[in-house]
């Protein structure tokens, strides 16, 4: 990430590790869906893993998806 992009994100209030996709729509036992998107070889950072765990503790379905197909599968499953 370019330094100017990181600075703008910090100024806008973004925190490290926040999932890429947040769906604020309760479904079944969950209060929302949080998806961290990774490439096929990407790995979640410690900040991202911590966010995932905290969201799960609060009733969210939180997933780390590798690739577009995995993201689509998780989102489709959430809305079934």
PDB file of N, CA and C in Angstrom:
ATOM      1  N   UNK A   1       0.852  -1.168   0.000  1.00  0.00           N
ATOM      2  CA  UNK A   1       0.000   0.000   0.000  1.00  0.00           C
ATOM      3  C   UNK A   1       0.901   1.234   0.000  1.00  0.00           C
ATOM      4  N   UNK A   2       0.539   2.192  -0.815  1.00  0.00           N
ATOM      5  CA  UNK A   2       1.312   3.428  -0.875  1.00  0.00           C
ATOM      6  C   UNK A   2       1.142   4.202   0.430  1.00  0.00           C
ATOM      7  N   UNK A   3       2.175   4.914   0.804  1.00  0.00           N
ATOM      8  CA  UNK A   3       2.161   5.645   2.065  1.00  0.00           C
ATOM      9  C   UNK A   3       1.038   6.674   2.105  1.00  0.00           C
ATOM     10  N   UNK A   4       0.769   7.362   1.004  1.00  0.00           N
ATOM     11  CA  UNK A   4      -0.298   8.367   1.017  1.00  0.00           C
ATOM     12  C   UNK A   4      -1.678   7.717   1.198  1.00  0.00           C
ATOM     13  N   UNK A   5      -1.851   6.516   0.676  1.00  0.00           N
ATOM     14  CA  UNK A   5      -3.115   5.796   0.869  1.00  0.00           C
ATOM     15  C   UNK A   5      -3.281   5.412   2.327  1.00  0.00           C
ATOM     16  N   UNK A   6      -2.223   4.904   2.942  1.00  0.00           N
ATOM     17  CA  UNK A   6      -2.279   4.532   4.357  1.00  0.00           C
ATOM     18  C   UNK A   6      -2.584   5.746   5.219  1.00  0.00           C
ATOM     19  N   UNK A   7      -1.990   6.883   4.910  1.00  0.00           N
ATOM     20  CA  UNK A   7      -2.231   8.104   5.678  1.00  0.00           C
ATOM     21  C   UNK A   7      -3.684   8.548   5.549  1.00  0.00           C
ATOM     22  N   UNK A   8      -4.215   8.518   4.330  1.00  0.00           N
ATOM     23  CA  UNK A   8      -5.619   8.905   4.132  1.00  0.00           C
ATOM     24  C   UNK A   8      -6.563   7.971   4.883  1.00  0.00           C
ATOM     25  N   UNK A   9      -6.262   6.675   4.884  1.00  0.00           N
ATOM     26  CA  UNK A   9      -7.104   5.712   5.595  1.00  0.00           C
ATOM     27  C   UNK A   9      -7.066   5.980   7.092  1.00  0.00           C
ATOM     28  N   UNK A  10      -5.903   6.274   7.628  1.00  0.00           N
ATOM     29  CA  UNK A  10      -5.776   6.566   9.055  1.00  0.00           C
ATOM     30  C   UNK A  10      -6.542   7.827   9.407  1.00  0.00           C
ATOM     31  N   UNK A  11      -6.429   8.857   8.578  1.00  0.00           N
ATOM     32  CA  UNK A  11      -7.143  10.105   8.811  1.00  0.00           C
ATOM     33  C   UNK A  11      -8.657   9.917   8.751  1.00  0.00           C
ATOM     34  N   UNK A  12      -9.104   8.959   7.944  1.00  0.00           N
ATOM     35  CA  UNK A  12     -10.538   8.687   7.819  1.00  0.00           C
ATOM     36  C   UNK A  12     -11.069   7.826   8.960  1.00  0.00           C
ATOM     37  N   UNK A  13     -10.171   7.341   9.823  1.00  0.00           N
ATOM     38  CA  UNK A  13     -10.605   6.580  10.984  1.00  0.00           C
ATOM     39  C   UNK A  13     -10.502   5.074  10.852  1.00  0.00           C
ATOM     40  N   UNK A  14      -9.931   4.600   9.755  1.00  0.00           N
ATOM     41  CA  UNK A  14      -9.779   3.156   9.581  1.00  0.00           C
ATOM     42  C   UNK A  14      -8.796   2.594  10.602  1.00  0.00           C
ATOM     43  N   UNK A  15      -9.059   1.381  11.049  1.00  0.00           N
ATOM     44  CA  UNK A  15      -8.188   0.680  11.986  1.00  0.00           C
ATOM     45  C   UNK A  15      -7.578  -0.525  11.291  1.00  0.00           C
ATOM     46  N   UNK A  16      -6.368  -0.893  11.694  1.00  0.00           N
ATOM     47  CA  UNK A  16      -5.711  -2.066  11.114  1.00  0.00           C
ATOM     48  C   UNK A  16      -6.537  -3.315  11.374  1.00  0.00           C
ATOM     49  N   UNK A  17      -6.689  -4.124  10.337  1.00  0.00           N
ATOM     50  CA  UNK A  17      -7.318  -5.420  10.494  1.00  0.00           C
ATOM     51  C   UNK A  17      -8.804  -5.477  10.223  1.00  0.00           C
ATOM     52  N   UNK A  18      -9.458  -4.328  10.040  1.00  0.00           N
ATOM     53  CA  UNK A  18     -10.896  -4.341   9.772  1.00  0.00           C
ATOM     54  C   UNK A  18     -11.145  -5.123   8.483  1.00  0.00           C
ATOM     55  N   UNK A  19     -12.126  -6.044   8.494  1.00  0.00           N
ATOM     56  CA  UNK A  19     -12.397  -6.845   7.292  1.00  0.00           C
ATOM     57  C   UNK A  19     -12.734  -5.986   6.068  1.00  0.00           C
ATOM     58  N   UNK A  20     -12.457  -6.534   4.893  1.00  0.00           N
ATOM     59  CA  UNK A  20     -12.697  -5.828   3.642  1.00  0.00           C
ATOM     60  C   UNK A  20     -14.182  -5.626   3.358  1.00  0.00           C
ATOM     61  N   UNK A  21     -14.993  -6.604   3.726  1.00  0.00           N
ATOM     62  CA  UNK A  21     -16.435  -6.540   3.464  1.00  0.00           C
ATOM     63  C   UNK A  21     -17.172  -6.711   4.785  1.00  0.00           C
ATOM     64  N   UNK A  22     -18.059  -5.764   5.090  1.00  0.00           N
ATOM     65  CA  UNK A  22     -18.922  -5.858   6.271  1.00  0.00           C
ATOM     66  C   UNK A  22     -20.361  -5.754   5.806  1.00  0.00           C
ATOM     67  N   UNK A  23     -21.157  -6.759   6.122  1.00  0.00           N
ATOM     68  CA  UNK A  23     -22.572  -6.772   5.753  1.00  0.00           C
ATOM     69  C   UNK A  23     -23.376  -6.681   7.044  1.00  0.00           C
ATOM     70  N   UNK A  24     -24.042  -5.552   7.224  1.00  0.00           N
ATOM     71  CA  UNK A  24     -24.808  -5.291   8.437  1.00  0.00           C
ATOM     72  C   UNK A  24     -26.249  -5.746   8.252  1.00  0.00           C
ATOM     73  N   UNK A  25     -26.420  -7.027   8.043  1.00  0.00           N
ATOM     74  CA  UNK A  25     -27.741  -7.628   7.826  1.00  0.00           C
ATOM     75  C   UNK A  25     -27.816  -8.912   8.638  1.00  0.00           C
ATOM     76  N   UNK A  26     -28.594  -8.913   9.711  1.00  0.00           N
ATOM     77  CA  UNK A  26     -28.710 -10.135  10.520  1.00  0.00           C
ATOM     78  C   UNK A  26     -29.303 -11.283   9.711  1.00  0.00           C
ATOM     79  N   UNK A  27     -28.774 -12.466   9.947  1.00  0.00           N
ATOM     80  CA  UNK A  27     -29.287 -13.686   9.317  1.00  0.00           C
ATOM     81  C   UNK A  27     -29.125 -14.825  10.299  1.00  0.00           C
ATOM     82  N   UNK A  28     -30.208 -15.527  10.601  1.00  0.00           N
ATOM     83  CA  UNK A  28     -30.143 -16.674  11.494  1.00  0.00           C
ATOM     84  C   UNK A  28     -29.535 -16.295  12.829  1.00  0.00           C
ATOM     85  N   UNK A  29     -28.484 -16.997  13.217  1.00  0.00           N
ATOM     86  CA  UNK A  29     -27.842 -16.763  14.507  1.00  0.00           C
ATOM     87  C   UNK A  29     -26.839 -15.613  14.475  1.00  0.00           C
ATOM     88  N   UNK A  30     -26.594 -15.016  13.296  1.00  0.00           N
ATOM     89  CA  UNK A  30     -25.556 -13.998  13.146  1.00  0.00           C
ATOM     90  C   UNK A  30     -26.129 -12.592  13.062  1.00  0.00           C
ATOM     91  N   UNK A  31     -25.371 -11.629  13.585  1.00  0.00           N
ATOM     92  CA  UNK A  31     -25.783 -10.225  13.510  1.00  0.00           C
ATOM     93  C   UNK A  31     -25.245  -9.544  12.254  1.00  0.00           C
ATOM     94  N   UNK A  32     -24.307 -10.189  11.569  1.00  0.00           N
ATOM     95  CA  UNK A  32     -23.736  -9.639  10.350  1.00  0.00           C
ATOM     96  C   UNK A  32     -22.674 -10.579   9.806  1.00  0.00           C
ATOM     97  N   UNK A  33     -22.148 -10.196   8.635  1.00  0.00           N
ATOM     98  CA  UNK A  33     -21.118 -10.995   7.978  1.00  0.00           C
ATOM     99  C   UNK A  33     -19.901 -10.117   7.732  1.00  0.00           C
ATOM    100  N   UNK A  34     -18.731 -10.620   8.115  1.00  0.00           N
ATOM    101  CA  UNK A  34     -17.461  -9.932   7.887  1.00  0.00           C
ATOM    102  C   UNK A  34     -16.563 -10.844   7.054  1.00  0.00           C
ATOM    103  N   UNK A  35     -16.052 -10.310   5.952  1.00  0.00           N
ATOM    104  CA  UNK A  35     -15.219 -11.109   5.052  1.00  0.00           C
ATOM    105  C   UNK A  35     -13.879 -10.402   4.826  1.00  0.00           C
ATOM    106  N   UNK A  36     -12.823 -11.111   5.113  1.00  0.00           N
ATOM    107  CA  UNK A  36     -11.471 -10.650   4.784  1.00  0.00           C
ATOM    108  C   UNK A  36     -11.086 -11.352   3.488  1.00  0.00           C
ATOM    109  N   UNK A  37     -10.745 -10.579   2.470  1.00  0.00           N
ATOM    110  CA  UNK A  37     -10.442 -11.119   1.146  1.00  0.00           C
ATOM    111  C   UNK A  37      -8.930 -11.224   0.963  1.00  0.00           C
ATOM    112  N   UNK A  38      -8.489 -12.399   0.568  1.00  0.00           N
ATOM    113  CA  UNK A  38      -7.070 -12.657   0.320  1.00  0.00           C
ATOM    114  C   UNK A  38      -6.894 -13.248  -1.076  1.00  0.00           C
ATOM    115  N   UNK A  39      -5.687 -13.126  -1.590  1.00  0.00           N
ATOM    116  CA  UNK A  39      -5.350 -13.814  -2.831  1.00  0.00           C
ATOM    117  C   UNK A  39      -5.159 -15.289  -2.503  1.00  0.00           C
ATOM    118  N   UNK A  40      -4.960 -16.089  -3.508  1.00  0.00           N
ATOM    119  CA  UNK A  40      -4.780 -17.534  -3.299  1.00  0.00           C
ATOM    120  C   UNK A  40      -3.591 -17.828  -2.385  1.00  0.00           C
ATOM    121  N   UNK A  41      -2.590 -16.976  -2.401  1.00  0.00           N
ATOM    122  CA  UNK A  41      -1.403 -17.204  -1.579  1.00  0.00           C
ATOM    123  C   UNK A  41      -1.311 -16.248  -0.391  1.00  0.00           C
ATOM    124  N   UNK A  42      -2.305 -15.362  -0.253  1.00  0.00           N
ATOM    125  CA  UNK A  42      -2.273 -14.363   0.813  1.00  0.00           C
ATOM    126  C   UNK A  42      -2.527 -14.957   2.189  1.00  0.00           C
ATOM    127  N   UNK A  43      -2.043 -14.256   3.208  1.00  0.00           N
ATOM    128  CA  UNK A  43      -2.227 -14.698   4.593  1.00  0.00           C
ATOM    129  C   UNK A  43      -2.779 -13.547   5.416  1.00  0.00           C
ATOM    130  N   UNK A  44      -3.617 -13.879   6.365  1.00  0.00           N
ATOM    131  CA  UNK A  44      -4.185 -12.868   7.255  1.00  0.00           C
ATOM    132  C   UNK A  44      -3.131 -12.411   8.256  1.00  0.00           C
ATOM    133  N   UNK A  45      -3.126 -11.110   8.531  1.00  0.00           N
ATOM    134  CA  UNK A  45      -2.204 -10.562   9.520  1.00  0.00           C
ATOM    135  C   UNK A  45      -2.738 -10.847  10.929  1.00  0.00           C
ATOM    136  N   UNK A  46      -1.908 -10.633  11.916  1.00  0.00           N
ATOM    137  CA  UNK A  46      -2.354 -10.807  13.298  1.00  0.00           C
ATOM    138  C   UNK A  46      -3.505  -9.862  13.618  1.00  0.00           C
ATOM    139  N   UNK A  47      -3.451  -8.624  13.101  1.00  0.00           N
ATOM    140  CA  UNK A  47      -4.540  -7.669  13.318  1.00  0.00           C
ATOM    141  C   UNK A  47      -5.847  -8.203  12.721  1.00  0.00           C
ATOM    142  N   UNK A  48      -5.768  -8.763  11.527  1.00  0.00           N
ATOM    143  CA  UNK A  48      -6.957  -9.298  10.867  1.00  0.00           C
ATOM    144  C   UNK A  48      -7.519 -10.491  11.625  1.00  0.00           C
ATOM    145  N   UNK A  49      -6.657 -11.370  12.091  1.00  0.00           N
ATOM    146  CA  UNK A  49      -7.116 -12.527  12.864  1.00  0.00           C
ATOM    147  C   UNK A  49      -7.781 -12.086  14.159  1.00  0.00           C
ATOM    148  N   UNK A  50      -7.235 -11.064  14.781  1.00  0.00           N
ATOM    149  CA  UNK A  50      -7.815 -10.545  16.025  1.00  0.00           C
ATOM    150  C   UNK A  50      -9.205  -9.967  15.779  1.00  0.00           C
ATOM    151  N   UNK A  51      -9.366  -9.200  14.703  1.00  0.00           N
ATOM    152  CA  UNK A  51     -10.677  -8.664  14.350  1.00  0.00           C
ATOM    153  C   UNK A  51     -11.684  -9.795  14.105  1.00  0.00           C
ATOM    154  N   UNK A  52     -11.254 -10.825  13.385  1.00  0.00           N
ATOM    155  CA  UNK A  52     -12.134 -11.953  13.099  1.00  0.00           C
ATOM    156  C   UNK A  52     -12.640 -12.578  14.404  1.00  0.00           C
ATOM    157  N   UNK A  53     -11.733 -12.812  15.328  1.00  0.00           N
ATOM    158  CA  UNK A  53     -12.099 -13.428  16.601  1.00  0.00           C
ATOM    159  C   UNK A  53     -13.032 -12.529  17.413  1.00  0.00           C
ATOM    160  N   UNK A  54     -12.732 -11.253  17.469  1.00  0.00           N
ATOM    161  CA  UNK A  54     -13.586 -10.319  18.231  1.00  0.00           C
ATOM    162  C   UNK A  54     -14.994 -10.243  17.636  1.00  0.00           C
ATOM    163  N   UNK A  55     -15.078 -10.243  16.324  1.00  0.00           N
ATOM    164  CA  UNK A  55     -16.397 -10.204  15.690  1.00  0.00           C
ATOM    165  C   UNK A  55     -17.178 -11.484  15.978  1.00  0.00           C
ATOM    166  N   UNK A  56     -16.524 -12.620  15.907  1.00  0.00           N
ATOM    167  CA  UNK A  56     -17.197 -13.893  16.219  1.00  0.00           C
ATOM    168  C   UNK A  56     -17.723 -13.888  17.651  1.00  0.00           C
ATOM    169  N   UNK A  57     -16.944 -13.365  18.578  1.00  0.00           N
ATOM    170  CA  UNK A  57     -17.376 -13.289  19.976  1.00  0.00           C
ATOM    171  C   UNK A  57     -18.619 -12.419  20.144  1.00  0.00           C
ATOM    172  N   UNK A  58     -18.852 -11.532  19.202  1.00  0.00           N
ATOM    173  CA  UNK A  58     -19.993 -10.620  19.266  1.00  0.00           C
ATOM    174  C   UNK A  58     -21.139 -11.034  18.360  1.00  0.00           C
ATOM    175  N   UNK A  59     -21.099 -12.270  17.875  1.00  0.00           N
ATOM    176  CA  UNK A  59     -22.224 -12.789  17.108  1.00  0.00           C
ATOM    177  C   UNK A  59     -22.141 -12.640  15.606  1.00  0.00           C
ATOM    178  N   UNK A  60     -21.005 -12.234  15.090  1.00  0.00           N
ATOM    179  CA  UNK A  60     -20.829 -12.108  13.648  1.00  0.00           C
ATOM    180  C   UNK A  60     -20.339 -13.422  13.053  1.00  0.00           C
ATOM    181  N   UNK A  61     -20.680 -13.638  11.805  1.00  0.00           N
ATOM    182  CA  UNK A  61     -20.010 -14.680  11.031  1.00  0.00           C
ATOM    183  C   UNK A  61     -18.819 -13.988  10.389  1.00  0.00           C
ATOM    184  N   UNK A  62     -17.629 -14.426  10.697  1.00  0.00           N
ATOM    185  CA  UNK A  62     -16.407 -13.800  10.195  1.00  0.00           C
ATOM    186  C   UNK A  62     -15.582 -14.838   9.463  1.00  0.00           C
ATOM    187  N   UNK A  63     -15.265 -14.541   8.211  1.00  0.00           N
ATOM    188  CA  UNK A  63     -14.567 -15.497   7.353  1.00  0.00           C
ATOM    189  C   UNK A  63     -13.368 -14.850   6.669  1.00  0.00           C
ATOM    190  N   UNK A  64     -12.352 -15.645   6.422  1.00  0.00           N
ATOM    191  CA  UNK A  64     -11.221 -15.241   5.595  1.00  0.00           C
ATOM    192  C   UNK A  64     -11.324 -16.066   4.318  1.00  0.00           C
ATOM    193  N   UNK A  65     -11.477 -15.377   3.194  1.00  0.00           N
ATOM    194  CA  UNK A  65     -11.694 -16.054   1.911  1.00  0.00           C
ATOM    195  C   UNK A  65     -10.506 -15.832   0.990  1.00  0.00           C
ATOM    196  N   UNK A  66     -10.083 -16.904   0.357  1.00  0.00           N
ATOM    197  CA  UNK A  66      -8.995 -16.824  -0.620  1.00  0.00           C
ATOM    198  C   UNK A  66      -9.590 -16.874  -2.018  1.00  0.00           C
ATOM    199  N   UNK A  67      -9.632 -15.718  -2.656  1.00  0.00           N
ATOM    200  CA  UNK A  67     -10.131 -15.623  -4.018  1.00  0.00           C
ATOM    201  C   UNK A  67     -11.601 -15.257  -4.112  1.00  0.00           C
ATOM    202  N   UNK A  68     -11.990 -14.807  -5.287  1.00  0.00           N
ATOM    203  CA  UNK A  68     -13.351 -14.353  -5.557  1.00  0.00           C
ATOM    204  C   UNK A  68     -14.386 -15.463  -5.385  1.00  0.00           C
ATOM    205  N   UNK A  69     -14.095 -16.652  -5.890  1.00  0.00           N
ATOM    206  CA  UNK A  69     -15.055 -17.753  -5.788  1.00  0.00           C
ATOM    207  C   UNK A  69     -15.396 -18.073  -4.338  1.00  0.00           C
ATOM    208  N   UNK A  70     -14.395 -18.071  -3.462  1.00  0.00           N
ATOM    209  CA  UNK A  70     -14.636 -18.345  -2.046  1.00  0.00           C
ATOM    210  C   UNK A  70     -15.504 -17.253  -1.428  1.00  0.00           C
ATOM    211  N   UNK A  71     -15.265 -15.997  -1.802  1.00  0.00           N
ATOM    212  CA  UNK A  71     -16.076 -14.886  -1.290  1.00  0.00           C
ATOM    213  C   UNK A  71     -17.531 -15.023  -1.723  1.00  0.00           C
ATOM    214  N   UNK A  72     -17.732 -15.335  -2.981  1.00  0.00           N
ATOM    215  CA  UNK A  72     -19.093 -15.493  -3.501  1.00  0.00           C
ATOM    216  C   UNK A  72     -19.800 -16.635  -2.777  1.00  0.00           C
ATOM    217  N   UNK A  73     -19.108 -17.736  -2.565  1.00  0.00           N
ATOM    218  CA  UNK A  73     -19.696 -18.884  -1.864  1.00  0.00           C
ATOM    219  C   UNK A  73     -20.119 -18.501  -0.457  1.00  0.00           C
ATOM    220  N   UNK A  74     -19.263 -17.793   0.285  1.00  0.00           N
ATOM    221  CA  UNK A  74     -19.579 -17.409   1.668  1.00  0.00           C
ATOM    222  C   UNK A  74     -20.768 -16.446   1.700  1.00  0.00           C
ATOM    223  N   UNK A  75     -20.766 -15.462   0.822  1.00  0.00           N
ATOM    224  CA  UNK A  75     -21.859 -14.480   0.801  1.00  0.00           C
ATOM    225  C   UNK A  75     -23.174 -15.146   0.394  1.00  0.00           C
ATOM    226  N   UNK A  76     -23.137 -15.978  -0.649  1.00  0.00           N
ATOM    227  CA  UNK A  76     -24.350 -16.706  -1.053  1.00  0.00           C
ATOM    228  C   UNK A  76     -24.874 -17.581   0.085  1.00  0.00           C
ATOM    229  N   UNK A  77     -23.972 -18.295   0.754  1.00  0.00           N
ATOM    230  CA  UNK A  77     -24.361 -19.148   1.871  1.00  0.00           C
ATOM    231  C   UNK A  77     -24.992 -18.338   2.997  1.00  0.00           C
ATOM    232  N   UNK A  78     -24.437 -17.170   3.268  1.00  0.00           N
ATOM    233  CA  UNK A  78     -24.952 -16.322   4.342  1.00  0.00           C
ATOM    234  C   UNK A  78     -26.403 -15.905   4.075  1.00  0.00           C
ATOM    235  N   UNK A  79     -26.714 -15.634   2.814  1.00  0.00           N
ATOM    236  CA  UNK A  79     -28.058 -15.159   2.485  1.00  0.00           C
ATOM    237  C   UNK A  79     -29.049 -16.270   2.151  1.00  0.00           C
ATOM    238  N   UNK A  80     -28.644 -17.523   2.262  1.00  0.00           N
ATOM    239  CA  UNK A  80     -29.578 -18.644   2.014  1.00  0.00           C
ATOM    240  C   UNK A  80     -30.498 -18.829   3.193  1.00  0.00           C
TER     241      UNK A  80
END
